[in-house]
Amino acid sequence: MFRFILLAAIIYILFKWLRRSSPPARKARNVDRQAAPPGSAVEEMVQDPVCGTWVPITQAQALPQESETLYFCSAECREKYAQRR
């Protein structure tokens, strides 16, 4: 019985130590959501509808549509989309 209690205590201590040494996954995901440092610009990201790549809006290739503007990662993706229509 004493061995069982000792083993349980050791496992509990190791579990607590391991959790403290590595940050939880939810905290790691929140890194991207933190406010940007003062003086830095935050740029909107848009997703290419052809290949799914995320691109900063200032670097994206735009294709104006009737009700919206679509953004692409490259001129090639923009042309592929235009040919499908």
Protein backbone atom coordinates (compact mmCIF):
# COMPACT_ATOMS: atom_id res chain seq x y z
CA MET A 1 0.00 0.00 0.00
CA PHE A 2 2.86 2.37 0.84
CA ARG A 3 4.45 1.70 -2.57
CA PHE A 4 1.19 2.60 -4.33
CA ILE A 5 0.92 5.91 -2.47
CA LEU A 6 4.59 6.72 -3.16
CA LEU A 7 4.19 5.88 -6.86
CA ALA A 8 1.04 8.02 -7.10
CA ALA A 9 2.84 10.95 -5.43
CA ILE A 10 5.79 10.68 -7.83
CA ILE A 11 3.48 10.57 -10.86
CA TYR A 12 1.55 13.58 -9.57
CA ILE A 13 4.76 15.60 -9.04
CA LEU A 14 6.05 14.70 -12.52
CA PHE A 15 2.72 15.63 -14.08
CA LYS A 16 2.72 19.05 -12.37
CA TRP A 17 6.36 19.65 -13.33
CA LEU A 18 5.74 18.80 -16.99
CA ARG A 19 2.67 21.04 -17.22
CA ARG A 20 4.57 23.94 -15.70
CA SER A 21 7.59 23.56 -18.01
CA SER A 22 5.55 23.64 -21.25
CA PRO A 23 2.91 26.30 -21.95
CA PRO A 24 -0.62 25.07 -22.70
CA ALA A 25 -1.65 24.95 -26.35
CA ARG A 26 -4.35 27.58 -25.90
CA LYS A 27 -1.80 30.11 -24.68
CA ALA A 28 0.45 29.40 -27.66
CA ARG A 29 -2.44 30.06 -30.06
CA ASN A 30 -3.13 33.43 -28.45
CA VAL A 31 0.29 34.74 -29.44
CA ASP A 32 -1.02 35.78 -32.86
CA ARG A 33 -3.96 37.60 -31.29
CA GLN A 34 -1.88 39.86 -29.08
CA ALA A 35 -1.72 43.53 -29.90
CA ALA A 36 1.04 44.60 -32.24
CA PRO A 37 3.94 46.55 -30.75
CA PRO A 38 3.54 50.33 -30.86
CA GLY A 39 4.70 51.81 -34.15
CA SER A 40 4.23 48.65 -36.20
CA ALA A 41 1.57 48.36 -38.88
CA VAL A 42 -0.90 45.51 -38.81
CA GLU A 43 -1.73 44.36 -42.31
CA GLU A 44 -4.91 42.60 -43.37
CA MET A 45 -4.44 39.12 -44.83
CA VAL A 46 -6.62 37.79 -47.67
CA GLN A 47 -7.00 34.24 -48.94
CA ASP A 48 -6.49 33.32 -52.58
CA PRO A 49 -9.68 31.54 -53.80
CA VAL A 50 -7.70 29.38 -56.26
CA CYS A 51 -4.86 27.91 -54.19
CA GLY A 52 -5.87 28.96 -50.65
CA THR A 53 -2.66 30.86 -49.89
CA TRP A 54 -2.92 33.74 -47.41
CA VAL A 55 -1.33 36.96 -48.72
CA PRO A 56 -0.97 40.48 -47.27
CA ILE A 57 -3.53 42.65 -49.03
CA THR A 58 -0.86 45.12 -50.18
CA GLN A 59 0.97 42.32 -52.05
CA ALA A 60 -2.12 40.59 -53.47
CA GLN A 61 -3.26 40.71 -57.10
CA ALA A 62 -6.76 42.23 -57.18
CA LEU A 63 -9.61 41.27 -59.49
CA PRO A 64 -12.63 43.59 -59.14
CA GLN A 65 -16.00 41.83 -59.39
CA GLU A 66 -19.51 43.25 -59.52
CA SER A 67 -20.14 43.11 -55.77
CA GLU A 68 -16.65 42.56 -54.32
CA THR A 69 -12.94 42.48 -55.08
CA LEU A 70 -11.15 39.14 -55.09
CA TYR A 71 -7.48 38.92 -54.15
CA PHE A 72 -4.93 36.41 -55.44
CA CYS A 73 -1.39 35.44 -54.45
CA SER A 74 -0.08 35.80 -58.02
CA ALA A 75 -1.04 36.83 -61.52
CA GLU A 76 -1.12 33.14 -62.48
CA CYS A 77 -3.83 32.35 -59.90
CA ARG A 78 -5.77 35.42 -60.98
CA GLU A 79 -5.65 34.24 -64.62
CA LYS A 80 -6.71 30.69 -63.66
CA TYR A 81 -9.73 32.12 -61.87
CA ALA A 82 -10.59 34.42 -64.78
CA GLN A 83 -10.40 31.52 -67.28
CA ARG A 84 -12.80 29.38 -65.20
CA ARG A 85 -15.49 32.05 -65.40
